[in-house]
C-alpha atoms as a PDB file:
ATOM      1  CA  MET A   1     125.293 109.142 135.217  1.00  0.00           C
ATOM      2  CA  SER A   2     126.554 111.588 132.604  1.00  0.00           C
ATOM      3  CA  SER A   3     124.842 111.854 129.216  1.00  0.00           C
ATOM      4  CA  LYS A   4     128.037 110.717 127.524  1.00  0.00           C
ATOM      5  CA  ALA A   5     128.219 107.561 129.646  1.00  0.00           C
ATOM      6  CA  TYR A   6     124.570 106.772 128.967  1.00  0.00           C
ATOM      7  CA  ILE A   7     125.017 107.136 125.193  1.00  0.00           C
ATOM      8  CA  ASN A   8     127.559 104.307 125.299  1.00  0.00           C
ATOM      9  CA  TYR A   9     124.804 101.937 126.475  1.00  0.00           C
ATOM     10  CA  LEU A  10     122.272 102.827 123.813  1.00  0.00           C
ATOM     11  CA  PRO A  11     121.200 100.339 121.135  1.00  0.00           C
ATOM     12  CA  THR A  12     121.070 101.284 117.470  1.00  0.00           C
ATOM     13  CA  ARG A  13     118.809 104.099 116.235  1.00  0.00           C
ATOM     14  CA  TYR A  14     115.138 103.668 117.080  1.00  0.00           C
ATOM     15  CA  MET A  15     112.020 104.299 115.067  1.00  0.00           C
ATOM     16  CA  PRO A  16     109.967 107.356 116.138  1.00  0.00           C
ATOM     17  CA  LEU A  17     108.487 107.014 119.609  1.00  0.00           C
ATOM     18  CA  ASP A  18     104.998 105.559 119.920  1.00  0.00           C
ATOM     19  CA  LYS A  19     103.067 104.508 123.001  1.00  0.00           C
ATOM     20  CA  PRO A  20     104.133 100.952 123.901  1.00  0.00           C
ATOM     21  CA  ASN A  21     101.754  98.094 124.608  1.00  0.00           C
ATOM     22  CA  LEU A  22     104.494  96.344 126.567  1.00  0.00           C
ATOM     23  CA  LYS A  23     104.625  96.964 130.314  1.00  0.00           C
ATOM     24  CA  VAL A  24     108.021  96.752 132.012  1.00  0.00           C
ATOM     25  CA  LEU A  25     108.153  95.622 135.627  1.00  0.00           C
ATOM     26  CA  LEU A  26     111.435  96.070 137.497  1.00  0.00           C
ATOM     27  CA  PHE A  27     111.983  93.750 140.447  1.00  0.00           C
ATOM     28  CA  VAL A  28     114.857  93.189 142.836  1.00  0.00           C
ATOM     29  CA  ASP A  29     115.679  89.815 144.361  1.00  0.00           C
ATOM     30  CA  THR A  30     116.964  91.100 147.689  1.00  0.00           C
ATOM     31  CA  GLU A  31     119.097  88.621 149.607  1.00  0.00           C
ATOM     32  CA  ALA A  32     121.901  90.960 150.762  1.00  0.00           C
ATOM     33  CA  ASP A  33     124.539  89.028 152.723  1.00  0.00           C
ATOM     34  CA  PHE A  34     122.641  85.777 152.412  1.00  0.00           C
ATOM     35  CA  TYR A  35     124.458  85.542 149.098  1.00  0.00           C
ATOM     36  CA  TYR A  36     127.564  84.888 151.204  1.00  0.00           C
ATOM     37  CA  THR A  37     125.935  82.323 153.512  1.00  0.00           C
ATOM     38  CA  VAL A  38     123.994  80.336 150.894  1.00  0.00           C
ATOM     39  CA  PRO A  39     125.594  78.932 147.703  1.00  0.00           C
ATOM     40  CA  SER A  40     123.339  77.761 144.898  1.00  0.00           C
ATOM     41  CA  PRO A  41     122.336  74.080 144.938  1.00  0.00           C
ATOM     42  CA  HIS A  42     123.266  74.064 141.234  1.00  0.00           C
ATOM     43  CA  PHE A  43     126.908  74.968 141.937  1.00  0.00           C
ATOM     44  CA  LYS A  44     129.587  72.531 140.876  1.00  0.00           C
ATOM     45  CA  GLY A  45     133.118  72.360 142.289  1.00  0.00           C
ATOM     46  CA  THR A  46     134.518  75.408 140.470  1.00  0.00           C
ATOM     47  CA  ASP A  47     131.342  77.380 141.190  1.00  0.00           C
ATOM     48  CA  VAL A  48     131.675  76.677 144.912  1.00  0.00           C
ATOM     49  CA  LEU A  49     135.314  77.808 144.795  1.00  0.00           C
ATOM     50  CA  LYS A  50     134.331  81.105 143.111  1.00  0.00           C
ATOM     51  CA  TRP A  51     131.562  81.570 145.676  1.00  0.00           C
ATOM     52  CA  ARG A  52     134.020  81.040 148.525  1.00  0.00           C
ATOM     53  CA  LEU A  53     136.420  83.597 147.006  1.00  0.00           C
ATOM     54  CA  ASN A  54     133.589  86.117 146.583  1.00  0.00           C
ATOM     55  CA  LYS A  55     132.570  85.466 150.172  1.00  0.00           C
ATOM     56  CA  LEU A  56     136.124  86.098 151.349  1.00  0.00           C
ATOM     57  CA  ALA A  57     136.373  89.308 149.318  1.00  0.00           C
ATOM     58  CA  GLY A  58     133.060  90.488 150.721  1.00  0.00           C
ATOM     59  CA  ARG A  59     134.263  89.933 154.264  1.00  0.00           C
ATOM     60  CA  LEU A  60     137.649  91.584 153.705  1.00  0.00           C
ATOM     61  CA  PHE A  61     135.911  94.730 152.480  1.00  0.00           C
ATOM     62  CA  ARG A  62     132.935  94.507 154.794  1.00  0.00           C
ATOM     63  CA  TYR A  63     132.511  98.182 155.620  1.00  0.00           C
ATOM     64  CA  PRO A  64     130.382  99.392 154.058  1.00  0.00           C
ATOM     65  CA  TRP A  65     129.010  95.929 153.431  1.00  0.00           C
ATOM     66  CA  PRO A  66     128.624  95.605 149.669  1.00  0.00           C
ATOM     67  CA  SER A  67     125.164  94.054 149.815  1.00  0.00           C
ATOM     68  CA  ARG A  68     123.732  96.773 152.066  1.00  0.00           C
ATOM     69  CA  LYS A  69     125.356  99.424 149.878  1.00  0.00           C
ATOM     70  CA  GLY A  70     123.758  97.841 146.807  1.00  0.00           C
ATOM     71  CA  PHE A  71     120.307  97.982 148.391  1.00  0.00           C
ATOM     72  CA  GLU A  72     120.823 101.652 149.219  1.00  0.00           C
ATOM     73  CA  VAL A  73     122.042 102.393 145.675  1.00  0.00           C
ATOM     74  CA  LEU A  74     118.909 100.870 144.162  1.00  0.00           C
ATOM     75  CA  LEU A  75     116.558 102.653 146.557  1.00  0.00           C
ATOM     76  CA  GLU A  76     118.140 106.036 145.889  1.00  0.00           C
ATOM     77  CA  THR A  77     118.327 105.527 142.111  1.00  0.00           C
ATOM     78  CA  PHE A  78     114.677 104.538 141.828  1.00  0.00           C
ATOM     79  CA  LYS A  79     113.616 107.487 143.984  1.00  0.00           C
ATOM     80  CA  ARG A  80     115.766 109.929 142.020  1.00  0.00           C
ATOM     81  CA  HIS A  81     114.215 108.831 138.727  1.00  0.00           C
ATOM     82  CA  ASN A  82     110.687 108.337 140.125  1.00  0.00           C
ATOM     83  CA  GLN A  83     110.860 104.697 139.017  1.00  0.00           C
ATOM     84  CA  LYS A  84     108.513 102.046 140.395  1.00  0.00           C
ATOM     85  CA  ALA A  85     109.988  98.734 141.513  1.00  0.00           C
ATOM     86  CA  VAL A  86     109.124  95.557 143.416  1.00  0.00           C
ATOM     87  CA  PHE A  87     111.550  94.444 146.120  1.00  0.00           C
ATOM     88  CA  CYS A  88     111.272  90.744 146.965  1.00  0.00           C
ATOM     89  CA  ILE A  89     113.241  90.539 150.196  1.00  0.00           C
ATOM     90  CA  SER A  90     114.471  87.540 152.183  1.00  0.00           C
ATOM     91  CA  GLY A  91     112.364  87.612 155.334  1.00  0.00           C
ATOM     92  CA  HIS A  92     115.197  87.915 157.852  1.00  0.00           C
ATOM     93  CA  LEU A  93     116.277  91.169 156.183  1.00  0.00           C
ATOM     94  CA  TYR A  94     113.030  92.828 157.303  1.00  0.00           C
ATOM     95  CA  LEU A  95     114.325  92.666 160.887  1.00  0.00           C
ATOM     96  CA  LYS A  96     116.300  95.353 162.690  1.00  0.00           C
ATOM     97  CA  GLU A  97     117.498  92.940 165.367  1.00  0.00           C
ATOM     98  CA  CYS A  98     117.036  89.400 166.663  1.00  0.00           C
ATOM     99  CA  ASP A  99     118.425  86.989 169.219  1.00  0.00           C
ATOM    100  CA  GLY A 100     119.053  84.175 166.749  1.00  0.00           C
ATOM    101  CA  SER A 101     117.917  80.723 167.844  1.00  0.00           C
ATOM    102  CA  TYR A 102     115.807  79.710 164.852  1.00  0.00           C
ATOM    103  CA  HIS A 103     113.399  82.572 164.453  1.00  0.00           C
ATOM    104  CA  PHE A 104     109.761  82.349 165.468  1.00  0.00           C
ATOM    105  CA  GLY A 105     109.776  78.542 165.540  1.00  0.00           C
ATOM    106  CA  ILE A 106     110.859  78.166 161.897  1.00  0.00           C
ATOM    107  CA  ARG A 107     111.470  74.603 160.708  1.00  0.00           C
ATOM    108  CA  ARG A 108     114.975  74.093 159.413  1.00  0.00           C
ATOM    109  CA  PRO A 109     115.436  72.934 155.805  1.00  0.00           C
ATOM    110  CA  GLU A 110     115.730  69.162 155.587  1.00  0.00           C
ATOM    111  CA  ASN A 111     117.212  68.503 152.152  1.00  0.00           C
ATOM    112  CA  PRO A 112     120.905  67.558 152.601  1.00  0.00           C
ATOM    113  CA  TRP A 113     122.258  69.499 149.600  1.00  0.00           C
ATOM    114  CA  TYR A 114     123.420  72.483 151.684  1.00  0.00           C
ATOM    115  CA  HIS A 115     125.368  70.510 154.266  1.00  0.00           C
ATOM    116  CA  SER A 116     126.945  68.413 151.499  1.00  0.00           C
ATOM    117  CA  ILE A 117     128.364  71.564 149.855  1.00  0.00           C
ATOM    118  CA  ILE A 118     129.711  73.524 152.828  1.00  0.00           C
ATOM    119  CA  GLY A 119     129.499  71.094 155.744  1.00  0.00           C
ATOM    120  CA  LYS A 120     127.405  73.302 157.994  1.00  0.00           C
ATOM    121  CA  ASP A 121     123.875  73.540 159.272  1.00  0.00           C
ATOM    122  CA  TRP A 122     121.608  75.858 157.255  1.00  0.00           C
ATOM    123  CA  TYR A 123     121.253  78.398 160.074  1.00  0.00           C
ATOM    124  CA  HIS A 124     124.925  78.417 161.101  1.00  0.00           C
ATOM    125  CA  TRP A 125     124.878  82.231 160.688  1.00  0.00           C
ATOM    126  CA  ASP A 126     121.930  82.654 163.075  1.00  0.00           C
ATOM    127  CA  LYS A 127     123.661  83.986 166.191  1.00  0.00           C
ATOM    128  CA  GLY A 128     121.700  87.197 166.737  1.00  0.00           C
ATOM    129  CA  GLY A 129     122.639  90.839 166.349  1.00  0.00           C
ATOM    130  CA  ASN A 130     121.221  93.960 164.775  1.00  0.00           C
ATOM    131  CA  TYR A 131     121.593  96.338 161.838  1.00  0.00           C
ATOM    132  CA  LEU A 132     124.594  98.002 163.495  1.00  0.00           C
ATOM    133  CA  THR A 133     126.539  94.836 164.328  1.00  0.00           C
ATOM    134  CA  HIS A 134     125.545  92.880 161.194  1.00  0.00           C
ATOM    135  CA  PRO A 135     124.314  95.422 158.620  1.00  0.00           C
ATOM    136  CA  GLY A 136     124.294  92.854 155.815  1.00  0.00           C
ATOM    137  CA  ILE A 137     121.613  90.603 157.306  1.00  0.00           C
ATOM    138  CA  TYR A 138     119.356  93.249 158.874  1.00  0.00           C
ATOM    139  CA  LEU A 139     117.807  95.856 156.560  1.00  0.00           C
ATOM    140  CA  GLY A 140     114.748  96.631 158.673  1.00  0.00           C
ATOM    141  CA  ASP A 141     115.945 100.145 159.506  1.00  0.00           C
ATOM    142  CA  LEU A 142     116.063 101.017 155.787  1.00  0.00           C
ATOM    143  CA  ILE A 143     112.833  99.224 154.892  1.00  0.00           C
ATOM    144  CA  GLU A 144     110.844 100.970 157.630  1.00  0.00           C
ATOM    145  CA  LYS A 145     111.704 104.315 156.030  1.00  0.00           C
ATOM    146  CA  GLU A 146     110.323 103.212 152.647  1.00  0.00           C
ATOM    147  CA  ASN A 147     107.251 101.186 153.585  1.00  0.00           C
ATOM    148  CA  LYS A 148     104.883 104.029 152.645  1.00  0.00           C
ATOM    149  CA  ASN A 149     106.739 105.072 149.500  1.00  0.00           C
ATOM    150  CA  PRO A 150     104.248 104.795 146.588  1.00  0.00           C
ATOM    151  CA  LEU A 151     107.074 103.861 144.205  1.00  0.00           C
ATOM    152  CA  PHE A 152     107.770 100.581 145.949  1.00  0.00           C
ATOM    153  CA  GLU A 153     105.972  97.310 146.466  1.00  0.00           C
ATOM    154  CA  PHE A 154     107.403  94.667 148.760  1.00  0.00           C
ATOM    155  CA  GLY A 155     107.419  90.900 148.739  1.00  0.00           C
ATOM    156  CA  LEU A 156     109.332  87.885 150.007  1.00  0.00           C
ATOM    157  CA  HIS A 157     112.350  85.927 148.783  1.00  0.00           C
ATOM    158  CA  GLY A 158     112.259  83.034 151.224  1.00  0.00           C
ATOM    159  CA  PHE A 159     113.360  83.683 154.808  1.00  0.00           C
ATOM    160  CA  ALA A 160     117.117  83.106 154.459  1.00  0.00           C
ATOM    161  CA  HIS A 161     117.247  82.336 150.727  1.00  0.00           C
ATOM    162  CA  GLU A 162     116.154  78.691 151.010  1.00  0.00           C
ATOM    163  CA  ALA A 163     115.814  76.361 147.995  1.00  0.00           C
ATOM    164  CA  LEU A 164     112.087  75.823 148.367  1.00  0.00           C
ATOM    165  CA  THR A 165     111.238  73.173 145.772  1.00  0.00           C
ATOM    166  CA  LEU A 166     113.730  70.832 147.457  1.00  0.00           C
ATOM    167  CA  GLU A 167     111.773  70.951 150.725  1.00  0.00           C
ATOM    168  CA  SER A 168     108.517  69.446 152.012  1.00  0.00           C
ATOM    169  CA  ARG A 169     105.271  71.420 152.125  1.00  0.00           C
ATOM    170  CA  GLU A 170     105.555  71.636 155.901  1.00  0.00           C
ATOM    171  CA  VAL A 171     109.016  73.226 155.732  1.00  0.00           C
ATOM    172  CA  ILE A 172     108.030  75.588 152.894  1.00  0.00           C
ATOM    173  CA  ASP A 173     104.940  76.739 154.779  1.00  0.00           C
ATOM    174  CA  SER A 174     107.019  77.398 157.901  1.00  0.00           C
ATOM    175  CA  ILE A 175     109.571  79.417 155.907  1.00  0.00           C
ATOM    176  CA  VAL A 176     106.906  81.555 154.191  1.00  0.00           C
ATOM    177  CA  LYS A 177     104.957  82.072 157.413  1.00  0.00           C
ATOM    178  CA  THR A 178     108.109  83.116 159.290  1.00  0.00           C
ATOM    179  CA  ALA A 179     109.176  85.487 156.506  1.00  0.00           C
ATOM    180  CA  LYS A 180     105.725  87.069 156.426  1.00  0.00           C
ATOM    181  CA  HIS A 181     105.836  87.596 160.194  1.00  0.00           C
ATOM    182  CA  ALA A 182     109.266  89.227 159.968  1.00  0.00           C
ATOM    183  CA  ALA A 183     107.961  91.589 157.262  1.00  0.00           C
ATOM    184  CA  SER A 184     105.030  92.564 159.492  1.00  0.00           C
ATOM    185  CA  LEU A 185     107.498  93.799 162.125  1.00  0.00           C
ATOM    186  CA  ALA A 186     108.672  96.396 159.585  1.00  0.00           C
ATOM    187  CA  GLY A 187     105.071  97.367 158.813  1.00  0.00           C
ATOM    188  CA  ILE A 188     105.011  95.432 155.527  1.00  0.00           C
ATOM    189  CA  THR A 189     102.263  93.140 154.235  1.00  0.00           C
ATOM    190  CA  PRO A 190     104.007  91.265 151.411  1.00  0.00           C
ATOM    191  CA  ALA A 191     102.178  91.238 148.080  1.00  0.00           C
ATOM    192  CA  TRP A 192     104.750  89.378 145.943  1.00  0.00           C
ATOM    193  CA  PHE A 193     106.945  86.296 146.111  1.00  0.00           C
ATOM    194  CA  ALA A 194     110.119  85.432 144.226  1.00  0.00           C
ATOM    195  CA  CYS A 195     111.647  82.036 144.941  1.00  0.00           C
ATOM    196  CA  PRO A 196     115.361  81.882 145.708  1.00  0.00           C
ATOM    197  CA  PHE A 197     117.423  80.371 142.878  1.00  0.00           C
ATOM    198  CA  GLU A 198     114.180  80.614 140.802  1.00  0.00           C
ATOM    199  CA  LEU A 199     113.236  77.180 142.193  1.00  0.00           C
ATOM    200  CA  THR A 200     109.504  77.824 141.936  1.00  0.00           C
ATOM    201  CA  GLU A 201     107.766  74.823 140.404  1.00  0.00           C
ATOM    202  CA  ASP A 202     108.952  71.223 140.498  1.00  0.00           C
ATOM    203  CA  GLU A 203     107.227  69.197 137.809  1.00  0.00           C
ATOM    204  CA  ASN A 204     106.986  66.294 140.262  1.00  0.00           C
ATOM    205  CA  ASP A 205     104.763  68.364 142.590  1.00  0.00           C
ATOM    206  CA  PRO A 206     103.716  71.481 140.642  1.00  0.00           C
ATOM    207  CA  ASP A 207     101.478  73.084 143.268  1.00  0.00           C
ATOM    208  CA  LYS A 208     103.776  72.540 146.264  1.00  0.00           C
ATOM    209  CA  VAL A 209     105.333  76.010 146.539  1.00  0.00           C
ATOM    210  CA  PHE A 210     102.298  77.842 145.160  1.00  0.00           C
ATOM    211  CA  SER A 211      99.978  76.308 147.738  1.00  0.00           C
ATOM    212  CA  CYS A 212     102.185  77.387 150.654  1.00  0.00           C
ATOM    213  CA  VAL A 213     102.596  80.927 149.320  1.00  0.00           C
ATOM    214  CA  ARG A 214      98.877  81.182 148.553  1.00  0.00           C
ATOM    215  CA  LYS A 215      98.020  79.890 152.030  1.00  0.00           C
ATOM    216  CA  ASN A 216      99.928  82.844 153.473  1.00  0.00           C
ATOM    217  CA  GLY A 217      97.875  85.371 151.508  1.00  0.00           C
ATOM    218  CA  ILE A 218     100.310  86.162 148.693  1.00  0.00           C
ATOM    219  CA  LYS A 219      98.859  86.003 145.191  1.00  0.00           C
ATOM    220  CA  LYS A 220     101.601  87.393 142.900  1.00  0.00           C
ATOM    221  CA  MET A 221     104.685  85.361 142.002  1.00  0.00           C
ATOM    222  CA  PHE A 222     107.600  85.730 139.673  1.00  0.00           C
ATOM    223  CA  TYR A 223     108.013  82.622 137.570  1.00  0.00           C
ATOM    224  CA  SER A 224     110.237  81.108 134.876  1.00  0.00           C
ATOM    225  CA  GLY A 225     108.843  77.624 134.335  1.00  0.00           C
ATOM    226  CA  LYS A 226     109.281  74.190 135.850  1.00  0.00           C
ATOM    227  CA  ASP A 227     112.349  72.283 136.994  1.00  0.00           C
ATOM    228  CA  ASN A 228     112.785  68.607 137.761  1.00  0.00           C
ATOM    229  CA  GLY A 229     114.568  68.512 141.093  1.00  0.00           C
ATOM    230  CA  LEU A 230     117.919  70.142 140.305  1.00  0.00           C
ATOM    231  CA  GLN A 231     117.510  69.641 136.563  1.00  0.00           C
ATOM    232  CA  ILE A 232     117.004  73.160 135.186  1.00  0.00           C
ATOM    233  CA  LYS A 233     114.219  73.313 132.598  1.00  0.00           C
ATOM    234  CA  ARG A 234     113.013  76.899 133.102  1.00  0.00           C
ATOM    235  CA  TYR A 235     113.671  79.761 130.711  1.00  0.00           C
ATOM    236  CA  PHE A 236     113.094  83.492 130.212  1.00  0.00           C
ATOM    237  CA  SER A 237     110.008  84.639 128.331  1.00  0.00           C
ATOM    238  CA  VAL A 238     107.966  87.753 127.582  1.00  0.00           C
ATOM    239  CA  SER A 239     104.418  86.849 128.531  1.00  0.00           C
ATOM    240  CA  SER A 240     101.095  88.225 129.611  1.00  0.00           C
ATOM    241  CA  ILE A 241     100.120  87.548 133.228  1.00  0.00           C
ATOM    242  CA  ILE A 242      99.299  83.864 133.772  1.00  0.00           C
ATOM    243  CA  LYS A 243      96.471  83.027 136.171  1.00  0.00           C
ATOM    244  CA  GLU A 244      97.129  79.546 137.483  1.00  0.00           C
ATOM    245  CA  HIS A 245      97.432  77.730 140.835  1.00  0.00           C
ATOM    246  CA  GLY A 246      95.233  80.454 142.315  1.00  0.00           C
ATOM    247  CA  MET A 247      98.031  82.960 141.619  1.00  0.00           C
ATOM    248  CA  GLU A 248      99.046  85.679 139.204  1.00  0.00           C
ATOM    249  CA  LYS A 249     102.296  84.413 137.669  1.00  0.00           C
ATOM    250  CA  TYR A 250     104.653  86.984 136.154  1.00  0.00           C
ATOM    251  CA  TRP A 251     107.095  85.302 133.788  1.00  0.00           C
ATOM    252  CA  ILE A 252     110.671  86.511 134.244  1.00  0.00           C
ATOM    253  CA  SER A 253     111.987  88.010 131.002  1.00  0.00           C
ATOM    254  CA  GLY A 254     115.604  88.737 131.901  1.00  0.00           C
ATOM    255  CA  TYR A 255     118.168  89.777 134.491  1.00  0.00           C
ATOM    256  CA  PHE A 256     120.871  92.388 134.675  1.00  0.00           C
ATOM    257  CA  GLU A 257     123.331  93.123 137.458  1.00  0.00           C
ATOM    258  CA  GLY A 258     125.402  96.017 138.694  1.00  0.00           C
ATOM    259  CA  THR A 259     128.351  94.055 137.346  1.00  0.00           C
ATOM    260  CA  SER A 260     126.811  93.353 133.908  1.00  0.00           C
ATOM    261  CA  SER A 261     128.723  94.471 130.831  1.00  0.00           C
ATOM    262  CA  ARG A 262     127.487  97.338 128.694  1.00  0.00           C
ATOM    263  CA  SER A 263     126.873  94.883 125.873  1.00  0.00           C
ATOM    264  CA  HIS A 264     124.508  92.943 128.131  1.00  0.00           C
ATOM    265  CA  ILE A 265     122.649  96.127 129.075  1.00  0.00           C
ATOM    266  CA  ARG A 266     122.316  96.992 125.373  1.00  0.00           C
ATOM    267  CA  LYS A 267     120.887  93.526 124.687  1.00  0.00           C
ATOM    268  CA  ILE A 268     118.294  94.044 127.426  1.00  0.00           C
ATOM    269  CA  MET A 269     117.303  97.385 125.892  1.00  0.00           C
ATOM    270  CA  GLN A 270     117.083  95.875 122.427  1.00  0.00           C
ATOM    271  CA  ASP A 271     114.982  92.989 123.701  1.00  0.00           C
ATOM    272  CA  ILE A 272     112.553  95.341 125.435  1.00  0.00           C
ATOM    273  CA  GLU A 273     112.294  97.491 122.311  1.00  0.00           C
ATOM    274  CA  ALA A 274     111.763  94.418 120.106  1.00  0.00           C
ATOM    275  CA  HIS A 275     108.681  93.510 122.189  1.00  0.00           C
ATOM    276  CA  ARG A 276     107.379  97.061 122.288  1.00  0.00           C
ATOM    277  CA  ASN A 277     104.070  96.273 120.594  1.00  0.00           C
ATOM    278  CA  LYS A 278     103.401  93.029 122.470  1.00  0.00           C
ATOM    279  CA  ASP A 279     100.538  93.090 124.969  1.00  0.00           C
ATOM    280  CA  ALA A 280     102.615  91.555 127.765  1.00  0.00           C
ATOM    281  CA  VAL A 281     104.726  92.270 130.834  1.00  0.00           C
ATOM    282  CA  TYR A 282     108.493  92.355 130.591  1.00  0.00           C
ATOM    283  CA  CYS A 283     109.719  91.326 134.059  1.00  0.00           C
ATOM    284  CA  LEU A 284     113.275  92.570 134.407  1.00  0.00           C
ATOM    285  CA  GLY A 285     115.096  91.482 137.525  1.00  0.00           C
ATOM    286  CA  THR A 286     118.308  92.317 139.312  1.00  0.00           C
ATOM    287  CA  HIS A 287     120.020  91.558 142.641  1.00  0.00           C
ATOM    288  CA  ASP A 288     120.751  94.099 145.341  1.00  0.00           C
ATOM    289  CA  PHE A 289     124.237  92.932 146.305  1.00  0.00           C
ATOM    290  CA  THR A 290     125.765  93.491 142.843  1.00  0.00           C
ATOM    291  CA  HIS A 291     125.070  97.240 142.726  1.00  0.00           C
ATOM    292  CA  LYS A 292     128.048  99.053 144.226  1.00  0.00           C
ATOM    293  CA  ASN A 293     127.293 101.956 141.854  1.00  0.00           C
ATOM    294  CA  ALA A 294     124.245 103.136 139.897  1.00  0.00           C
ATOM    295  CA  ASP A 295     125.657 103.016 136.347  1.00  0.00           C
ATOM    296  CA  ASN A 296     123.723 100.026 135.002  1.00  0.00           C
ATOM    297  CA  VAL A 297     120.461 100.606 136.821  1.00  0.00           C
ATOM    298  CA  GLY A 298     120.659 104.301 135.917  1.00  0.00           C
ATOM    299  CA  ALA A 299     121.064 103.417 132.249  1.00  0.00           C
ATOM    300  CA  ILE A 300     118.123 101.000 132.338  1.00  0.00           C
ATOM    301  CA  VAL A 301     115.815 103.458 134.088  1.00  0.00           C
ATOM    302  CA  LYS A 302     116.789 106.338 131.787  1.00  0.00           C
ATOM    303  CA  PHE A 303     116.091 104.127 128.774  1.00  0.00           C
ATOM    304  CA  LEU A 304     112.675 103.106 130.120  1.00  0.00           C
ATOM    305  CA  LYS A 305     111.742 106.710 130.782  1.00  0.00           C
ATOM    306  CA  GLU A 306     112.869 108.025 127.410  1.00  0.00           C
ATOM    307  CA  ARG A 307     111.150 105.222 125.487  1.00  0.00           C
ATOM    308  CA  GLY A 308     107.869 105.585 127.366  1.00  0.00           C
ATOM    309  CA  PHE A 309     107.920 102.254 129.245  1.00  0.00           C
ATOM    310  CA  SER A 310     107.527 103.842 132.676  1.00  0.00           C
END
């Protein structure tokens, strides 16, 4: 990114630089082409239509697949700027190849919401292949190259972007266990977990997801509060680390995308700066598949570096 382009992102003039108390943690919810196979359970009719159109556009311009390209853009940008980041990756993406057929004995999701939206079984995409034939659902070749990179930590984001709080403990445990096994094939021991759709804690059974993740040896989770079924009650916050449910819970503070407007990026910068003296962690998330170029992530990282946050 040119200096001129970066200046256009900048908030208003800052006070002189001092050492911040605030820690900024960048994380990437990495679902790649599972964005195209899995709509959100919160989608209404118009949302489903937009999702279908995005899916069609993604398939029409499939080479290079936009989601794989976005993952590569983020990796290269973080390495170029020496920026640390946590990648929470849907378990199937850790693979370089598979033969389909419901991986490693995984239990299929049982909640009917998915079939009611698109009329297909959850694993309708699961026909086998590899990173050459289906580069958007196999990222194992890229991940293997980065598994020793000290800049990166790796975690899980479901196995195929499942809505976990809508499932039973038995199904959740199977999904987490299968995702962890897939990560091990790429040489990764996951340390973090980010729930797809941010469906992390259902107030009707608060420990359900946490217990299954904890059982599989993962102790760090991104979090944004409770929901009640599909009733969204969660929210962004800037918080210190919460130790609860036998976990370290990192409250999500905000999201930006490769497609976000410059005004949104400026608001993120202003929000981080406004919390500069707070003894807390600002968890800033993004998604891999939205980053066809490095403009927004480059602006964020440059800002963090210049203001002493990383």
